[in-house]
Amino acid sequence: MDVRIEESWKQALAAEFEKPYFARLVSYLHAEKNAGKTVYPPGSSIFKAFELTPLPSVKVVILGQDPYHGPGQAMGLSFSVPDGVRTPPSLKNIFREIETDLGITMSGRPNLEGWARQGVLLLNSILTVRAGEPTSHSKIGWMEFTDAVISTVSARCSGVVFLLWGGFARSKKELIDLSRHSVLEAAHPSPLAGGAFFGCRHFSKTNDILIREGKTPIDWRL
């Protein structure tokens, strides 16, 4: 795997790239490729979230678990799929909550690059997955890497809003300095949560916090 990552992140995470676990992770992905396994997202998109949201630009973190495992879906941004791909159920529920919370109409476009470019780090805890096998790369080292990413944001940024949806994301709260940042917690937007996500109003709350921090709020429309 060619580790190409945006410069601010490359410098901040330099120590991680030198650790034994990361070398093992890269070797594992090479072995998957050599064995003819299909891995998502494509290599050029594994670090897409970092490319679109440099470290100094981070204002919001939306934490997902692992990439979509169907063809053409994963694009390196949590919850996002490319234009022209059917909107996943969790993302539909996110859009529904935004519409209710902010009184706006979403376009239905499932590509969240517009959020990323405004400072929303769309981070999955696991950055790759084998086709058709959810969480198949959950134990190869990615979580050690992305825990370091969360800790780096916590240490190097200020006034970031972390949106933690569901038990898995909420387990990362311990990595965040609560004296420097805000954490908003809710049920996961998946339909499996039975609608418990609705009414969290995280999008208006996030913008209220950003305004108090003297930052430009996020335009959630796509």
C-alpha atoms as a PDB file:
ATOM      1  CA  MET A   1       0.000   0.000   0.000  1.00  0.00           C
ATOM      2  CA  ASP A   2       1.308   3.398  -0.955  1.00  0.00           C
ATOM      3  CA  VAL A   3       0.825   5.515   2.171  1.00  0.00           C
ATOM      4  CA  ARG A   4      -0.004   8.867   0.632  1.00  0.00           C
ATOM      5  CA  ILE A   5      -1.549  11.223   3.143  1.00  0.00           C
ATOM      6  CA  GLU A   6      -2.078  14.972   3.355  1.00  0.00           C
ATOM      7  CA  GLU A   7       1.015  16.781   4.657  1.00  0.00           C
ATOM      8  CA  SER A   8      -0.313  18.112   7.970  1.00  0.00           C
ATOM      9  CA  TRP A   9      -1.502  14.637   8.910  1.00  0.00           C
ATOM     10  CA  LYS A  10       1.695  13.053   7.611  1.00  0.00           C
ATOM     11  CA  GLN A  11       3.741  15.188   9.970  1.00  0.00           C
ATOM     12  CA  ALA A  12       1.416  14.769  12.961  1.00  0.00           C
ATOM     13  CA  LEU A  13       1.189  10.990  12.555  1.00  0.00           C
ATOM     14  CA  ALA A  14       4.791  10.359  11.503  1.00  0.00           C
ATOM     15  CA  ALA A  15       5.501   8.280  14.602  1.00  0.00           C
ATOM     16  CA  GLU A  16       2.536   5.986  13.863  1.00  0.00           C
ATOM     17  CA  PHE A  17       3.824   5.140  10.389  1.00  0.00           C
ATOM     18  CA  GLU A  18       7.100   3.959  11.945  1.00  0.00           C
ATOM     19  CA  LYS A  19       5.531   1.614  14.491  1.00  0.00           C
ATOM     20  CA  PRO A  20       5.600  -2.183  13.999  1.00  0.00           C
ATOM     21  CA  TYR A  21       1.805  -2.479  13.939  1.00  0.00           C
ATOM     22  CA  PHE A  22       1.597  -0.207  10.898  1.00  0.00           C
ATOM     23  CA  ALA A  23       4.190  -2.238   9.001  1.00  0.00           C
ATOM     24  CA  ARG A  24       2.151  -5.365   9.777  1.00  0.00           C
ATOM     25  CA  LEU A  25      -1.012  -3.609   8.608  1.00  0.00           C
ATOM     26  CA  VAL A  26       0.570  -2.696   5.265  1.00  0.00           C
ATOM     27  CA  SER A  27       1.895  -6.241   4.853  1.00  0.00           C
ATOM     28  CA  TYR A  28      -1.566  -7.637   5.530  1.00  0.00           C
ATOM     29  CA  LEU A  29      -3.140  -5.455   2.860  1.00  0.00           C
ATOM     30  CA  HIS A  30      -0.459  -6.462   0.355  1.00  0.00           C
ATOM     31  CA  ALA A  31      -1.167 -10.114   1.162  1.00  0.00           C
ATOM     32  CA  GLU A  32      -4.885  -9.580   0.605  1.00  0.00           C
ATOM     33  CA  LYS A  33      -4.167  -8.081  -2.802  1.00  0.00           C
ATOM     34  CA  ASN A  34      -1.732 -10.841  -3.735  1.00  0.00           C
ATOM     35  CA  ALA A  35      -4.325 -13.443  -2.753  1.00  0.00           C
ATOM     36  CA  GLY A  36      -6.812 -11.893  -5.171  1.00  0.00           C
ATOM     37  CA  LYS A  37      -9.060 -10.462  -2.478  1.00  0.00           C
ATOM     38  CA  THR A  38     -11.086  -7.342  -3.260  1.00  0.00           C
ATOM     39  CA  VAL A  39     -10.594  -4.634  -0.653  1.00  0.00           C
ATOM     40  CA  TYR A  40     -12.628  -1.444  -0.276  1.00  0.00           C
ATOM     41  CA  PRO A  41     -12.161   1.447  -0.665  1.00  0.00           C
ATOM     42  CA  PRO A  42      -9.640   1.617  -3.524  1.00  0.00           C
ATOM     43  CA  GLY A  43      -6.096   2.304  -2.357  1.00  0.00           C
ATOM     44  CA  SER A  44      -6.191   5.890  -3.564  1.00  0.00           C
ATOM     45  CA  SER A  45      -9.220   6.592  -1.325  1.00  0.00           C
ATOM     46  CA  ILE A  46      -8.128   4.950   1.929  1.00  0.00           C
ATOM     47  CA  PHE A  47      -6.940   8.290   3.319  1.00  0.00           C
ATOM     48  CA  LYS A  48      -9.580  10.435   1.576  1.00  0.00           C
ATOM     49  CA  ALA A  49     -10.892  11.882   4.850  1.00  0.00           C
ATOM     50  CA  PHE A  50      -7.434  13.245   5.646  1.00  0.00           C
ATOM     51  CA  GLU A  51      -6.955  14.625   2.145  1.00  0.00           C
ATOM     52  CA  LEU A  52     -10.184  16.643   2.256  1.00  0.00           C
ATOM     53  CA  THR A  53      -9.895  17.753   5.891  1.00  0.00           C
ATOM     54  CA  PRO A  54      -6.339  18.745   6.868  1.00  0.00           C
ATOM     55  CA  LEU A  55      -5.588  18.696  10.583  1.00  0.00           C
ATOM     56  CA  PRO A  56      -5.677  22.510  11.059  1.00  0.00           C
ATOM     57  CA  SER A  57      -9.119  22.570   9.388  1.00  0.00           C
ATOM     58  CA  VAL A  58     -10.848  20.055  11.663  1.00  0.00           C
ATOM     59  CA  LYS A  59     -13.933  21.524  13.346  1.00  0.00           C
ATOM     60  CA  VAL A  60     -16.174  18.457  13.632  1.00  0.00           C
ATOM     61  CA  VAL A  61     -15.470  14.715  13.794  1.00  0.00           C
ATOM     62  CA  ILE A  62     -18.136  12.194  12.748  1.00  0.00           C
ATOM     63  CA  LEU A  63     -16.919   8.738  13.693  1.00  0.00           C
ATOM     64  CA  GLY A  64     -18.004   5.625  11.821  1.00  0.00           C
ATOM     65  CA  GLN A  65     -16.933   2.020  12.269  1.00  0.00           C
ATOM     66  CA  ASP A  66     -15.759   0.488   8.991  1.00  0.00           C
ATOM     67  CA  PRO A  67     -16.279   1.117   5.266  1.00  0.00           C
ATOM     68  CA  TYR A  68     -19.253  -0.080   3.266  1.00  0.00           C
ATOM     69  CA  HIS A  69     -18.439  -3.523   1.901  1.00  0.00           C
ATOM     70  CA  GLY A  70     -20.466  -3.475  -1.334  1.00  0.00           C
ATOM     71  CA  PRO A  71     -19.061  -2.625  -4.785  1.00  0.00           C
ATOM     72  CA  GLY A  72     -18.780   1.083  -5.561  1.00  0.00           C
ATOM     73  CA  GLN A  73     -19.858   2.266  -2.113  1.00  0.00           C
ATOM     74  CA  ALA A  74     -16.782   2.948   0.047  1.00  0.00           C
ATOM     75  CA  MET A  75     -14.978   6.204  -0.718  1.00  0.00           C
ATOM     76  CA  GLY A  76     -12.861   6.798   2.370  1.00  0.00           C
ATOM     77  CA  LEU A  77     -15.385   9.014   4.186  1.00  0.00           C
ATOM     78  CA  SER A  78     -17.582   7.684   6.982  1.00  0.00           C
ATOM     79  CA  PHE A  79     -21.271   7.335   6.021  1.00  0.00           C
ATOM     80  CA  SER A  80     -20.619   8.747   2.508  1.00  0.00           C
ATOM     81  CA  VAL A  81     -21.017   7.039  -0.861  1.00  0.00           C
ATOM     82  CA  PRO A  82     -20.264   8.448  -4.334  1.00  0.00           C
ATOM     83  CA  ASP A  83     -22.877  10.287  -6.363  1.00  0.00           C
ATOM     84  CA  GLY A  84     -25.029   7.867  -8.317  1.00  0.00           C
ATOM     85  CA  VAL A  85     -24.899   5.193  -5.617  1.00  0.00           C
ATOM     86  CA  ARG A  86     -28.052   4.379  -3.656  1.00  0.00           C
ATOM     87  CA  THR A  87     -28.145   6.280  -0.359  1.00  0.00           C
ATOM     88  CA  PRO A  88     -27.508   3.831   2.514  1.00  0.00           C
ATOM     89  CA  PRO A  89     -30.207   3.571   5.208  1.00  0.00           C
ATOM     90  CA  SER A  90     -28.116   5.208   7.954  1.00  0.00           C
ATOM     91  CA  LEU A  91     -27.357   8.188   5.733  1.00  0.00           C
ATOM     92  CA  LYS A  92     -31.037   8.532   4.854  1.00  0.00           C
ATOM     93  CA  ASN A  93     -31.761   8.815   8.555  1.00  0.00           C
ATOM     94  CA  ILE A  94     -28.994  11.387   9.005  1.00  0.00           C
ATOM     95  CA  PHE A  95     -30.541  13.487   6.237  1.00  0.00           C
ATOM     96  CA  ARG A  96     -34.004  13.096   7.786  1.00  0.00           C
ATOM     97  CA  GLU A  97     -32.702  14.374  11.141  1.00  0.00           C
ATOM     98  CA  ILE A  98     -30.986  17.334   9.458  1.00  0.00           C
ATOM     99  CA  GLU A  99     -34.212  18.293   7.699  1.00  0.00           C
ATOM    100  CA  THR A 100     -36.190  18.135  10.945  1.00  0.00           C
ATOM    101  CA  ASP A 101     -33.498  19.821  13.023  1.00  0.00           C
ATOM    102  CA  LEU A 102     -32.675  22.678  10.667  1.00  0.00           C
ATOM    103  CA  GLY A 103     -35.896  23.019   8.698  1.00  0.00           C
ATOM    104  CA  ILE A 104     -34.115  22.566   5.379  1.00  0.00           C
ATOM    105  CA  THR A 105     -34.554  20.187   2.456  1.00  0.00           C
ATOM    106  CA  MET A 106     -31.610  17.976   1.614  1.00  0.00           C
ATOM    107  CA  SER A 107     -30.841  17.243  -2.013  1.00  0.00           C
ATOM    108  CA  GLY A 108     -30.488  13.546  -1.325  1.00  0.00           C
ATOM    109  CA  ARG A 109     -26.936  13.494  -2.719  1.00  0.00           C
ATOM    110  CA  PRO A 110     -25.089  10.819  -0.744  1.00  0.00           C
ATOM    111  CA  ASN A 111     -21.596  12.237  -1.376  1.00  0.00           C
ATOM    112  CA  LEU A 112     -20.460  14.058   1.775  1.00  0.00           C
ATOM    113  CA  GLU A 113     -17.315  15.645   0.351  1.00  0.00           C
ATOM    114  CA  GLY A 114     -18.955  19.056   0.832  1.00  0.00           C
ATOM    115  CA  TRP A 115     -18.962  18.503   4.580  1.00  0.00           C
ATOM    116  CA  ALA A 116     -15.365  17.283   4.587  1.00  0.00           C
ATOM    117  CA  ARG A 117     -14.171  20.400   2.777  1.00  0.00           C
ATOM    118  CA  GLN A 118     -15.763  22.551   5.508  1.00  0.00           C
ATOM    119  CA  GLY A 119     -13.833  20.845   8.290  1.00  0.00           C
ATOM    120  CA  VAL A 120     -15.931  17.775   9.089  1.00  0.00           C
ATOM    121  CA  LEU A 121     -13.537  14.847   9.522  1.00  0.00           C
ATOM    122  CA  LEU A 122     -15.524  11.828   8.340  1.00  0.00           C
ATOM    123  CA  LEU A 123     -13.421   9.180  10.051  1.00  0.00           C
ATOM    124  CA  ASN A 124     -14.002   5.448  10.120  1.00  0.00           C
ATOM    125  CA  SER A 125     -12.211   3.604  12.916  1.00  0.00           C
ATOM    126  CA  ILE A 126     -11.344   0.869  10.424  1.00  0.00           C
ATOM    127  CA  LEU A 127     -10.183   2.202   7.063  1.00  0.00           C
ATOM    128  CA  THR A 128     -10.488  -0.899   4.847  1.00  0.00           C
ATOM    129  CA  VAL A 129     -12.730  -3.939   4.492  1.00  0.00           C
ATOM    130  CA  ARG A 130     -12.769  -7.108   2.416  1.00  0.00           C
ATOM    131  CA  ALA A 131     -15.597  -7.136  -0.132  1.00  0.00           C
ATOM    132  CA  GLY A 132     -18.784  -8.596   1.287  1.00  0.00           C
ATOM    133  CA  GLU A 133     -17.299  -9.152   4.742  1.00  0.00           C
ATOM    134  CA  PRO A 134     -18.130  -6.374   7.221  1.00  0.00           C
ATOM    135  CA  THR A 135     -15.541  -5.748   9.969  1.00  0.00           C
ATOM    136  CA  SER A 136     -13.161  -8.210   8.260  1.00  0.00           C
ATOM    137  CA  HIS A 137     -10.248  -5.807   8.794  1.00  0.00           C
ATOM    138  CA  SER A 138     -11.177  -4.860  12.357  1.00  0.00           C
ATOM    139  CA  LYS A 139      -8.163  -6.596  13.909  1.00  0.00           C
ATOM    140  CA  ILE A 140      -5.331  -5.722  11.527  1.00  0.00           C
ATOM    141  CA  GLY A 141      -4.231  -2.505  13.240  1.00  0.00           C
ATOM    142  CA  TRP A 142      -6.488   0.214  11.899  1.00  0.00           C
ATOM    143  CA  MET A 143      -8.087   0.956  15.246  1.00  0.00           C
ATOM    144  CA  GLU A 144      -4.704   1.599  16.838  1.00  0.00           C
ATOM    145  CA  PHE A 145      -4.020   4.048  14.022  1.00  0.00           C
ATOM    146  CA  THR A 146      -7.359   5.852  14.153  1.00  0.00           C
ATOM    147  CA  ASP A 147      -7.272   6.009  17.963  1.00  0.00           C
ATOM    148  CA  ALA A 148      -4.018   7.921  17.448  1.00  0.00           C
ATOM    149  CA  VAL A 149      -5.830  10.170  14.970  1.00  0.00           C
ATOM    150  CA  ILE A 150      -8.541  10.979  17.523  1.00  0.00           C
ATOM    151  CA  SER A 151      -5.917  11.625  20.193  1.00  0.00           C
ATOM    152  CA  THR A 152      -4.008  13.878  17.779  1.00  0.00           C
ATOM    153  CA  VAL A 153      -7.105  15.959  17.051  1.00  0.00           C
ATOM    154  CA  SER A 154      -7.764  16.184  20.787  1.00  0.00           C
ATOM    155  CA  ALA A 155      -4.227  17.345  21.532  1.00  0.00           C
ATOM    156  CA  ARG A 156      -3.530  19.646  18.590  1.00  0.00           C
ATOM    157  CA  CYS A 157      -6.904  21.267  17.881  1.00  0.00           C
ATOM    158  CA  SER A 158      -9.293  23.241  20.068  1.00  0.00           C
ATOM    159  CA  GLY A 159     -13.050  23.564  20.191  1.00  0.00           C
ATOM    160  CA  VAL A 160     -13.759  20.517  18.018  1.00  0.00           C
ATOM    161  CA  VAL A 161     -17.228  18.940  18.161  1.00  0.00           C
ATOM    162  CA  PHE A 162     -17.112  15.132  18.251  1.00  0.00           C
ATOM    163  CA  LEU A 163     -20.330  13.404  17.166  1.00  0.00           C
ATOM    164  CA  LEU A 164     -20.391   9.907  18.657  1.00  0.00           C
ATOM    165  CA  TRP A 165     -23.302   7.813  17.387  1.00  0.00           C
ATOM    166  CA  GLY A 166     -23.844   4.347  18.795  1.00  0.00           C
ATOM    167  CA  GLY A 167     -21.952   2.307  21.344  1.00  0.00           C
ATOM    168  CA  PHE A 168     -18.857   1.738  19.253  1.00  0.00           C
ATOM    169  CA  ALA A 169     -18.281   5.446  18.599  1.00  0.00           C
ATOM    170  CA  ARG A 170     -19.088   6.346  22.197  1.00  0.00           C
ATOM    171  CA  SER A 171     -16.337   4.005  23.393  1.00  0.00           C
ATOM    172  CA  LYS A 172     -13.828   6.474  21.896  1.00  0.00           C
ATOM    173  CA  LYS A 173     -14.875   9.268  24.263  1.00  0.00           C
ATOM    174  CA  GLU A 174     -11.996   8.390  26.600  1.00  0.00           C
ATOM    175  CA  LEU A 175      -9.532   9.566  23.915  1.00  0.00           C
ATOM    176  CA  ILE A 176     -10.956  13.108  23.921  1.00  0.00           C
ATOM    177  CA  ASP A 177      -9.934  15.940  26.245  1.00  0.00           C
ATOM    178  CA  LEU A 178     -13.331  17.166  27.395  1.00  0.00           C
ATOM    179  CA  SER A 179     -11.838  20.377  28.755  1.00  0.00           C
ATOM    180  CA  ARG A 180     -10.875  21.384  25.206  1.00  0.00           C
ATOM    181  CA  HIS A 181     -13.633  19.891  23.082  1.00  0.00           C
ATOM    182  CA  SER A 182     -17.353  19.135  22.968  1.00  0.00           C
ATOM    183  CA  VAL A 183     -18.826  15.647  22.661  1.00  0.00           C
ATOM    184  CA  LEU A 184     -22.389  14.997  21.504  1.00  0.00           C
ATOM    185  CA  GLU A 185     -23.661  11.435  21.908  1.00  0.00           C
ATOM    186  CA  ALA A 186     -26.666   9.707  20.363  1.00  0.00           C
ATOM    187  CA  ALA A 187     -27.922   6.349  19.181  1.00  0.00           C
ATOM    188  CA  HIS A 188     -26.606   5.150  15.837  1.00  0.00           C
ATOM    189  CA  PRO A 189     -28.584   6.411  12.813  1.00  0.00           C
ATOM    190  CA  SER A 190     -28.994   2.849  11.539  1.00  0.00           C
ATOM    191  CA  PRO A 191     -32.608   1.669  11.229  1.00  0.00           C
ATOM    192  CA  LEU A 192     -31.561  -1.140  13.582  1.00  0.00           C
ATOM    193  CA  ALA A 193     -31.594   1.461  16.388  1.00  0.00           C
ATOM    194  CA  GLY A 194     -35.351   1.768  15.994  1.00  0.00           C
ATOM    195  CA  GLY A 195     -35.385   5.510  15.397  1.00  0.00           C
ATOM    196  CA  ALA A 196     -33.573   6.393  18.636  1.00  0.00           C
ATOM    197  CA  PHE A 197     -31.268   8.704  16.661  1.00  0.00           C
ATOM    198  CA  PHE A 198     -34.124  11.022  15.738  1.00  0.00           C
ATOM    199  CA  GLY A 199     -34.482  14.154  17.807  1.00  0.00           C
ATOM    200  CA  CYS A 200     -30.804  14.371  18.800  1.00  0.00           C
ATOM    201  CA  ARG A 201     -30.543  17.736  17.008  1.00  0.00           C
ATOM    202  CA  HIS A 202     -26.799  17.303  16.690  1.00  0.00           C
ATOM    203  CA  PHE A 203     -26.545  19.476  13.601  1.00  0.00           C
ATOM    204  CA  SER A 204     -27.992  22.643  15.107  1.00  0.00           C
ATOM    205  CA  LYS A 205     -26.183  21.928  18.384  1.00  0.00           C
ATOM    206  CA  THR A 206     -22.879  21.544  16.525  1.00  0.00           C
ATOM    207  CA  ASN A 207     -23.326  24.873  14.787  1.00  0.00           C
ATOM    208  CA  ASP A 208     -24.275  26.593  18.046  1.00  0.00           C
ATOM    209  CA  ILE A 209     -21.055  25.317  19.613  1.00  0.00           C
ATOM    210  CA  LEU A 210     -18.950  26.369  16.622  1.00  0.00           C
ATOM    211  CA  ILE A 211     -20.422  29.864  16.706  1.00  0.00           C
ATOM    212  CA  ARG A 212     -19.644  30.126  20.429  1.00  0.00           C
ATOM    213  CA  GLU A 213     -16.076  29.078  19.588  1.00  0.00           C
ATOM    214  CA  GLY A 214     -15.869  31.881  17.020  1.00  0.00           C
ATOM    215  CA  LYS A 215     -15.862  29.444  14.106  1.00  0.00           C
ATOM    216  CA  THR A 216     -17.891  29.365  10.920  1.00  0.00           C
ATOM    217  CA  PRO A 217     -20.830  26.957  11.263  1.00  0.00           C
ATOM    218  CA  ILE A 218     -21.216  24.015   8.900  1.00  0.00           C
ATOM    219  CA  ASP A 219     -23.572  24.346   5.933  1.00  0.00           C
ATOM    220  CA  TRP A 220     -25.102  20.867   6.138  1.00  0.00           C
ATOM    221  CA  ARG A 221     -26.909  21.198   2.806  1.00  0.00           C
ATOM    222  CA  LEU A 222     -25.508  19.139  -0.050  1.00  0.00           C
END
